[in-house]
Amino acid sequence: MSARDLPMLVRRSPVKNSEAKARGTFNPARSLRFAIGRLQGWLALKGVGIKVGRGLDAIGAPHIELHSDSFVSLGQNVRLVSKTFATALGVNHPVVLRTLTAGARIEIGDRVGISGGTVCAARLVKIGDDTMLGANVTIADTDFHSLYPVYRSEHLHPTVGVAEVRIGKRVFIGTNAIVLRGVNVGDNSVIGAGSIVTTSIPENCIAAGNPCRVIRELTPEELEGALAV
């Protein structure tokens, strides 16, 4: 992201001003809040050492923390919402992207949307194109603490469970869901709000619960648009 992106970030509004005025819904104060939020997002991302694709829309300042020799990449037209006014359910905290070890990677594809979500990687968290994370979703590829009491305070001890997390394309993960280490979620699937995802979920299905389980497959009619992409 460079200084030339700044005017674009500030000029953007949640809807086109001309369209909003025609509907009688244009709100200058709301447009100003979005402009300020995008400026905060631009300033927070400037110089943090991550790879950012074109068209990033960051509303509010995300919290990004990189371990040395780790890597975070954002694809094109990614949307990061760290302000409650900018999403219907609100957010509990800003977007958090954090790598925990040398060599850890967070790879976020094109047109991904994250609202107040947390992504922590000790090895790899990969999120596919066109995936949406509802408000306050958490994804982590580590248990953070050992099951062995004597080692429990040592976050990087070899007994701490770590396994890659991969989220497919066009996945929707509902608000407050938690995706734990070693999980793969297949393309087009939906994870219900509040789910605790402990095992992998196949493509083209709806899954929910604690622990998260497949409820049904998506119908051919529901898949028609996704398969045409």
C-alpha atoms as a PDB file:
ATOM      1  CA  MET A   1       0.000   0.000   0.000  1.00  0.00           C
ATOM      2  CA  SER A   2       1.395   3.380  -0.986  1.00  0.00           C
ATOM      3  CA  ALA A   3       0.521   7.024  -0.460  1.00  0.00           C
ATOM      4  CA  ARG A   4      -1.247   7.126  -3.817  1.00  0.00           C
ATOM      5  CA  ASP A   5      -3.964   4.877  -2.334  1.00  0.00           C
ATOM      6  CA  LEU A   6      -4.857   7.439   0.338  1.00  0.00           C
ATOM      7  CA  PRO A   7      -7.197   9.652  -1.718  1.00  0.00           C
ATOM      8  CA  MET A   8      -9.170   6.599  -2.849  1.00  0.00           C
ATOM      9  CA  LEU A   9      -9.599   5.406   0.725  1.00  0.00           C
ATOM     10  CA  VAL A  10     -10.826   8.779   1.913  1.00  0.00           C
ATOM     11  CA  ARG A  11     -13.204   9.350  -0.997  1.00  0.00           C
ATOM     12  CA  ARG A  12     -14.984   6.014  -0.631  1.00  0.00           C
ATOM     13  CA  SER A  13     -18.377   5.938   1.072  1.00  0.00           C
ATOM     14  CA  PRO A  14     -20.579   2.969   2.024  1.00  0.00           C
ATOM     15  CA  VAL A  15     -22.794   3.642  -1.007  1.00  0.00           C
ATOM     16  CA  LYS A  16     -22.403   5.918  -3.978  1.00  0.00           C
ATOM     17  CA  ASN A  17     -23.362   9.415  -2.890  1.00  0.00           C
ATOM     18  CA  SER A  18     -25.447  10.046  -6.004  1.00  0.00           C
ATOM     19  CA  GLU A  19     -27.455   6.849  -5.445  1.00  0.00           C
ATOM     20  CA  ALA A  20     -27.951   7.612  -1.761  1.00  0.00           C
ATOM     21  CA  LYS A  21     -29.142  11.143  -2.492  1.00  0.00           C
ATOM     22  CA  ALA A  22     -31.613   9.813  -5.050  1.00  0.00           C
ATOM     23  CA  ARG A  23     -33.062   7.471  -2.412  1.00  0.00           C
ATOM     24  CA  GLY A  24     -33.060  10.217   0.171  1.00  0.00           C
ATOM     25  CA  THR A  25     -30.717   8.226   2.429  1.00  0.00           C
ATOM     26  CA  PHE A  26     -27.437  10.110   2.055  1.00  0.00           C
ATOM     27  CA  ASN A  27     -25.934  10.758   5.478  1.00  0.00           C
ATOM     28  CA  PRO A  28     -22.901  13.074   5.446  1.00  0.00           C
ATOM     29  CA  ALA A  29     -21.967  12.190   9.043  1.00  0.00           C
ATOM     30  CA  ARG A  30     -21.975   8.467   8.267  1.00  0.00           C
ATOM     31  CA  SER A  31     -19.903   9.030   5.134  1.00  0.00           C
ATOM     32  CA  LEU A  32     -17.400  11.014   7.190  1.00  0.00           C
ATOM     33  CA  ARG A  33     -17.161   8.161   9.733  1.00  0.00           C
ATOM     34  CA  PHE A  34     -16.348   5.730   6.931  1.00  0.00           C
ATOM     35  CA  ALA A  35     -13.756   8.118   5.503  1.00  0.00           C
ATOM     36  CA  ILE A  36     -12.075   8.511   8.900  1.00  0.00           C
ATOM     37  CA  GLY A  37     -12.242   4.759   9.491  1.00  0.00           C
ATOM     38  CA  ARG A  38     -10.577   4.064   6.146  1.00  0.00           C
ATOM     39  CA  LEU A  39      -7.869   6.601   6.913  1.00  0.00           C
ATOM     40  CA  GLN A  40      -7.224   4.824  10.230  1.00  0.00           C
ATOM     41  CA  GLY A  41      -7.030   1.504   8.392  1.00  0.00           C
ATOM     42  CA  TRP A  42      -4.596   2.886   5.811  1.00  0.00           C
ATOM     43  CA  LEU A  43      -2.334   4.342   8.499  1.00  0.00           C
ATOM     44  CA  ALA A  44      -2.347   1.102  10.518  1.00  0.00           C
ATOM     45  CA  LEU A  45      -1.339  -1.000   7.510  1.00  0.00           C
ATOM     46  CA  LYS A  46       1.286   1.372   6.186  1.00  0.00           C
ATOM     47  CA  GLY A  47       4.751  -0.014   6.796  1.00  0.00           C
ATOM     48  CA  VAL A  48       3.807  -3.081   8.872  1.00  0.00           C
ATOM     49  CA  GLY A  49       5.615  -5.429   6.490  1.00  0.00           C
ATOM     50  CA  ILE A  50       2.744  -7.466   5.077  1.00  0.00           C
ATOM     51  CA  LYS A  51       1.918  -8.087   1.426  1.00  0.00           C
ATOM     52  CA  VAL A  52      -1.262  -6.222   0.450  1.00  0.00           C
ATOM     53  CA  GLY A  53      -3.111  -6.625  -2.851  1.00  0.00           C
ATOM     54  CA  ARG A  54      -4.834  -3.814  -4.697  1.00  0.00           C
ATOM     55  CA  GLY A  55      -8.227  -2.560  -3.591  1.00  0.00           C
ATOM     56  CA  LEU A  56      -7.900  -3.232   0.136  1.00  0.00           C
ATOM     57  CA  ASP A  57     -10.808  -1.744   2.122  1.00  0.00           C
ATOM     58  CA  ALA A  58      -9.808  -1.494   5.801  1.00  0.00           C
ATOM     59  CA  ILE A  59     -12.369   0.309   7.960  1.00  0.00           C
ATOM     60  CA  GLY A  60     -10.701   1.086  11.271  1.00  0.00           C
ATOM     61  CA  ALA A  61      -7.234   0.043  12.343  1.00  0.00           C
ATOM     62  CA  PRO A  62      -6.648  -3.716  12.440  1.00  0.00           C
ATOM     63  CA  HIS A  63      -4.163  -5.120  14.925  1.00  0.00           C
ATOM     64  CA  ILE A  64      -1.352  -6.847  13.026  1.00  0.00           C
ATOM     65  CA  GLU A  65       1.548  -8.460  14.859  1.00  0.00           C
ATOM     66  CA  LEU A  66       4.248 -10.403  13.023  1.00  0.00           C
ATOM     67  CA  HIS A  67       6.863 -12.679  14.540  1.00  0.00           C
ATOM     68  CA  SER A  68      10.270 -12.273  12.931  1.00  0.00           C
ATOM     69  CA  ASP A  69      10.663 -14.282   9.711  1.00  0.00           C
ATOM     70  CA  SER A  70       6.912 -14.846   9.376  1.00  0.00           C
ATOM     71  CA  PHE A  71       4.591 -13.784   6.568  1.00  0.00           C
ATOM     72  CA  VAL A  72       1.106 -12.312   6.099  1.00  0.00           C
ATOM     73  CA  SER A  73      -0.470 -11.662   2.716  1.00  0.00           C
ATOM     74  CA  LEU A  74      -3.794 -10.105   1.759  1.00  0.00           C
ATOM     75  CA  GLY A  75      -5.194 -10.647  -1.741  1.00  0.00           C
ATOM     76  CA  GLN A  76      -6.967  -8.145  -3.932  1.00  0.00           C
ATOM     77  CA  ASN A  77     -10.124  -6.347  -2.771  1.00  0.00           C
ATOM     78  CA  VAL A  78      -9.959  -7.714   0.778  1.00  0.00           C
ATOM     79  CA  ARG A  79     -12.272  -6.022   3.298  1.00  0.00           C
ATOM     80  CA  LEU A  80     -11.259  -5.715   6.959  1.00  0.00           C
ATOM     81  CA  VAL A  81     -13.895  -4.225   9.272  1.00  0.00           C
ATOM     82  CA  SER A  82     -12.634  -3.103  12.673  1.00  0.00           C
ATOM     83  CA  LYS A  83     -15.420  -0.622  13.479  1.00  0.00           C
ATOM     84  CA  THR A  84     -18.845  -1.520  14.853  1.00  0.00           C
ATOM     85  CA  PHE A  85     -20.701   1.064  12.764  1.00  0.00           C
ATOM     86  CA  ALA A  86     -19.512  -0.589   9.561  1.00  0.00           C
ATOM     87  CA  THR A  87     -21.209  -3.980  10.010  1.00  0.00           C
ATOM     88  CA  ALA A  88     -24.712  -4.982  11.082  1.00  0.00           C
ATOM     89  CA  LEU A  89     -23.782  -7.143  14.088  1.00  0.00           C
ATOM     90  CA  GLY A  90     -20.956  -4.910  15.277  1.00  0.00           C
ATOM     91  CA  VAL A  91     -17.523  -6.162  16.282  1.00  0.00           C
ATOM     92  CA  ASN A  92     -16.123  -7.018  19.703  1.00  0.00           C
ATOM     93  CA  HIS A  93     -12.620  -5.831  18.774  1.00  0.00           C
ATOM     94  CA  PRO A  94     -10.586  -4.823  15.717  1.00  0.00           C
ATOM     95  CA  VAL A  95      -9.484  -7.426  13.204  1.00  0.00           C
ATOM     96  CA  VAL A  96      -6.455  -9.301  14.604  1.00  0.00           C
ATOM     97  CA  LEU A  97      -3.851 -10.929  12.351  1.00  0.00           C
ATOM     98  CA  ARG A  98      -1.002 -12.432  14.360  1.00  0.00           C
ATOM     99  CA  THR A  99       1.859 -14.812  13.598  1.00  0.00           C
ATOM    100  CA  LEU A 100       3.370 -16.587  16.578  1.00  0.00           C
ATOM    101  CA  THR A 101       6.554 -18.256  15.328  1.00  0.00           C
ATOM    102  CA  ALA A 102       9.290 -17.892  12.748  1.00  0.00           C
ATOM    103  CA  GLY A 103       8.056 -19.329   9.448  1.00  0.00           C
ATOM    104  CA  ALA A 104       4.362 -18.920  10.331  1.00  0.00           C
ATOM    105  CA  ARG A 105       2.113 -17.776   7.478  1.00  0.00           C
ATOM    106  CA  ILE A 106      -1.306 -16.205   7.126  1.00  0.00           C
ATOM    107  CA  GLU A 107      -2.496 -16.226   3.515  1.00  0.00           C
ATOM    108  CA  ILE A 108      -5.784 -14.467   2.763  1.00  0.00           C
ATOM    109  CA  GLY A 109      -7.168 -14.700  -0.767  1.00  0.00           C
ATOM    110  CA  ASP A 110      -8.943 -12.230  -3.035  1.00  0.00           C
ATOM    111  CA  ARG A 111     -12.231 -10.597  -2.026  1.00  0.00           C
ATOM    112  CA  VAL A 112     -12.195 -12.052   1.499  1.00  0.00           C
ATOM    113  CA  GLY A 113     -14.228 -10.214   4.133  1.00  0.00           C
ATOM    114  CA  ILE A 114     -13.352 -10.236   7.850  1.00  0.00           C
ATOM    115  CA  SER A 115     -15.355  -8.342  10.498  1.00  0.00           C
ATOM    116  CA  GLY A 116     -13.677  -8.135  13.891  1.00  0.00           C
ATOM    117  CA  GLY A 117     -12.160 -11.572  13.361  1.00  0.00           C
ATOM    118  CA  THR A 118      -8.985 -13.054  14.835  1.00  0.00           C
ATOM    119  CA  VAL A 119      -6.538 -15.144  12.810  1.00  0.00           C
ATOM    120  CA  CYS A 120      -3.539 -16.588  14.666  1.00  0.00           C
ATOM    121  CA  ALA A 121      -0.918 -18.768  12.989  1.00  0.00           C
ATOM    122  CA  ALA A 122       1.944 -20.764  14.449  1.00  0.00           C
ATOM    123  CA  ARG A 123       2.318 -22.645  11.158  1.00  0.00           C
ATOM    124  CA  LEU A 124      -0.252 -21.814   8.442  1.00  0.00           C
ATOM    125  CA  VAL A 125      -3.749 -20.394   8.172  1.00  0.00           C
ATOM    126  CA  LYS A 126      -4.949 -20.105   4.582  1.00  0.00           C
ATOM    127  CA  ILE A 127      -8.290 -18.544   3.578  1.00  0.00           C
ATOM    128  CA  GLY A 128      -9.532 -18.959   0.016  1.00  0.00           C
ATOM    129  CA  ASP A 129     -10.960 -16.408  -2.400  1.00  0.00           C
ATOM    130  CA  ASP A 130     -14.441 -14.950  -1.806  1.00  0.00           C
ATOM    131  CA  THR A 131     -14.728 -16.347   1.722  1.00  0.00           C
ATOM    132  CA  MET A 132     -16.581 -14.346   4.368  1.00  0.00           C
ATOM    133  CA  LEU A 133     -15.937 -14.424   8.104  1.00  0.00           C
ATOM    134  CA  GLY A 134     -18.901 -13.152  10.111  1.00  0.00           C
ATOM    135  CA  ALA A 135     -18.462 -10.881  13.096  1.00  0.00           C
ATOM    136  CA  ASN A 136     -15.936 -11.992  15.719  1.00  0.00           C
ATOM    137  CA  VAL A 137     -14.885 -15.301  14.157  1.00  0.00           C
ATOM    138  CA  THR A 138     -11.687 -16.870  15.545  1.00  0.00           C
ATOM    139  CA  ILE A 139      -9.327 -19.085  13.527  1.00  0.00           C
ATOM    140  CA  ALA A 140      -6.178 -20.547  15.088  1.00  0.00           C
ATOM    141  CA  ASP A 141      -3.812 -23.333  14.071  1.00  0.00           C
ATOM    142  CA  THR A 142      -2.448 -23.848  17.585  1.00  0.00           C
ATOM    143  CA  ASP A 143      -3.746 -24.951  20.985  1.00  0.00           C
ATOM    144  CA  PHE A 144      -1.615 -22.169  22.563  1.00  0.00           C
ATOM    145  CA  HIS A 145      -1.070 -24.293  25.712  1.00  0.00           C
ATOM    146  CA  SER A 146       0.121 -27.828  26.365  1.00  0.00           C
ATOM    147  CA  LEU A 147      -2.117 -30.559  27.754  1.00  0.00           C
ATOM    148  CA  TYR A 148       0.752 -31.362  30.123  1.00  0.00           C
ATOM    149  CA  PRO A 149       0.333 -29.209  33.256  1.00  0.00           C
ATOM    150  CA  VAL A 150       4.066 -28.899  33.820  1.00  0.00           C
ATOM    151  CA  TYR A 151       4.524 -27.295  30.376  1.00  0.00           C
ATOM    152  CA  ARG A 152       1.272 -25.366  30.179  1.00  0.00           C
ATOM    153  CA  SER A 153       2.789 -21.906  30.533  1.00  0.00           C
ATOM    154  CA  GLU A 154       5.295 -22.527  27.712  1.00  0.00           C
ATOM    155  CA  HIS A 155       3.422 -21.478  24.571  1.00  0.00           C
ATOM    156  CA  LEU A 156       6.043 -22.842  22.177  1.00  0.00           C
ATOM    157  CA  HIS A 157       6.754 -26.135  23.930  1.00  0.00           C
ATOM    158  CA  PRO A 158       6.804 -29.151  21.536  1.00  0.00           C
ATOM    159  CA  THR A 159       3.790 -30.647  23.333  1.00  0.00           C
ATOM    160  CA  VAL A 160       1.561 -27.736  22.247  1.00  0.00           C
ATOM    161  CA  GLY A 161      -0.649 -28.974  19.401  1.00  0.00           C
ATOM    162  CA  VAL A 162      -0.136 -27.177  16.061  1.00  0.00           C
ATOM    163  CA  ALA A 163      -1.660 -28.086  12.678  1.00  0.00           C
ATOM    164  CA  GLU A 164      -2.434 -26.105   9.525  1.00  0.00           C
ATOM    165  CA  VAL A 165      -5.887 -24.637   8.959  1.00  0.00           C
ATOM    166  CA  ARG A 166      -7.193 -24.269   5.406  1.00  0.00           C
ATOM    167  CA  ILE A 167     -10.479 -22.585   4.538  1.00  0.00           C
ATOM    168  CA  GLY A 168     -11.670 -23.074   0.970  1.00  0.00           C
ATOM    169  CA  LYS A 169     -13.165 -20.692  -1.556  1.00  0.00           C
ATOM    170  CA  ARG A 170     -16.597 -19.084  -1.167  1.00  0.00           C
ATOM    171  CA  VAL A 171     -16.959 -20.327   2.412  1.00  0.00           C
ATOM    172  CA  PHE A 172     -19.168 -18.455   4.879  1.00  0.00           C
ATOM    173  CA  ILE A 173     -18.329 -18.756   8.589  1.00  0.00           C
ATOM    174  CA  GLY A 174     -21.046 -17.355  10.845  1.00  0.00           C
ATOM    175  CA  THR A 175     -20.623 -14.934  13.721  1.00  0.00           C
ATOM    176  CA  ASN A 176     -18.668 -16.044  16.807  1.00  0.00           C
ATOM    177  CA  ALA A 177     -17.647 -19.379  15.284  1.00  0.00           C
ATOM    178  CA  ILE A 178     -14.267 -20.803  16.338  1.00  0.00           C
ATOM    179  CA  VAL A 179     -12.130 -22.848  13.944  1.00  0.00           C
ATOM    180  CA  LEU A 180      -9.429 -24.875  15.675  1.00  0.00           C
ATOM    181  CA  ARG A 181      -6.141 -26.414  14.597  1.00  0.00           C
ATOM    182  CA  GLY A 182      -5.975 -29.003  11.844  1.00  0.00           C
ATOM    183  CA  VAL A 183      -9.339 -28.105  10.316  1.00  0.00           C
ATOM    184  CA  ASN A 184     -10.001 -27.938   6.573  1.00  0.00           C
ATOM    185  CA  VAL A 185     -13.273 -26.430   5.364  1.00  0.00           C
ATOM    186  CA  GLY A 186     -14.166 -27.291   1.781  1.00  0.00           C
ATOM    187  CA  ASP A 187     -15.244 -24.880  -0.951  1.00  0.00           C
ATOM    188  CA  ASN A 188     -18.736 -23.305  -0.777  1.00  0.00           C
ATOM    189  CA  SER A 189     -19.574 -24.634   2.699  1.00  0.00           C
ATOM    190  CA  VAL A 190     -21.395 -22.715   5.436  1.00  0.00           C
ATOM    191  CA  ILE A 191     -20.430 -22.869   9.123  1.00  0.00           C
ATOM    192  CA  GLY A 192     -23.259 -21.881  11.451  1.00  0.00           C
ATOM    193  CA  ALA A 193     -23.008 -19.059  13.966  1.00  0.00           C
ATOM    194  CA  GLY A 194     -21.376 -19.976  17.266  1.00  0.00           C
ATOM    195  CA  SER A 195     -20.011 -23.291  15.989  1.00  0.00           C
ATOM    196  CA  ILE A 196     -16.856 -24.864  17.430  1.00  0.00           C
ATOM    197  CA  VAL A 197     -15.112 -26.490  14.471  1.00  0.00           C
ATOM    198  CA  THR A 198     -12.762 -29.238  15.673  1.00  0.00           C
ATOM    199  CA  THR A 199     -12.735 -31.550  12.629  1.00  0.00           C
ATOM    200  CA  SER A 200     -12.637 -30.927   8.897  1.00  0.00           C
ATOM    201  CA  ILE A 201     -15.837 -30.105   7.010  1.00  0.00           C
ATOM    202  CA  PRO A 202     -16.299 -31.225   3.383  1.00  0.00           C
ATOM    203  CA  GLU A 203     -17.174 -28.963   0.494  1.00  0.00           C
ATOM    204  CA  ASN A 204     -20.696 -27.966  -0.525  1.00  0.00           C
ATOM    205  CA  CYS A 205     -22.456 -28.440   2.807  1.00  0.00           C
ATOM    206  CA  ILE A 206     -23.950 -26.693   5.839  1.00  0.00           C
ATOM    207  CA  ALA A 207     -22.420 -27.536   9.210  1.00  0.00           C
ATOM    208  CA  ALA A 208     -23.058 -26.218  12.715  1.00  0.00           C
ATOM    209  CA  GLY A 209     -22.911 -27.015  16.406  1.00  0.00           C
ATOM    210  CA  ASN A 210     -20.498 -27.772  19.224  1.00  0.00           C
ATOM    211  CA  PRO A 211     -18.740 -29.788  18.045  1.00  0.00           C
ATOM    212  CA  CYS A 212     -19.523 -28.734  14.491  1.00  0.00           C
ATOM    213  CA  ARG A 213     -21.171 -31.455  12.360  1.00  0.00           C
ATOM    214  CA  VAL A 214     -22.574 -31.582   8.828  1.00  0.00           C
ATOM    215  CA  ILE A 215     -26.314 -30.858   8.788  1.00  0.00           C
ATOM    216  CA  ARG A 216     -26.973 -31.264   5.078  1.00  0.00           C
ATOM    217  CA  GLU A 217     -25.469 -30.814   1.642  1.00  0.00           C
ATOM    218  CA  LEU A 218     -26.169 -27.720  -0.409  1.00  0.00           C
ATOM    219  CA  THR A 219     -28.793 -28.332  -3.079  1.00  0.00           C
ATOM    220  CA  PRO A 220     -28.002 -28.130  -6.803  1.00  0.00           C
ATOM    221  CA  GLU A 221     -30.006 -24.900  -6.917  1.00  0.00           C
ATOM    222  CA  GLU A 222     -27.972 -23.415  -4.072  1.00  0.00           C
ATOM    223  CA  LEU A 223     -24.730 -24.460  -5.737  1.00  0.00           C
ATOM    224  CA  GLU A 224     -25.654 -23.277  -9.209  1.00  0.00           C
ATOM    225  CA  GLY A 225     -24.223 -19.792  -8.789  1.00  0.00           C
ATOM    226  CA  ALA A 226     -21.025 -21.001  -7.089  1.00  0.00           C
ATOM    227  CA  LEU A 227     -20.313 -23.642  -9.709  1.00  0.00           C
ATOM    228  CA  ALA A 228     -20.758 -21.071 -12.468  1.00  0.00           C
ATOM    229  CA  VAL A 229     -17.942 -18.912 -11.074  1.00  0.00           C
END
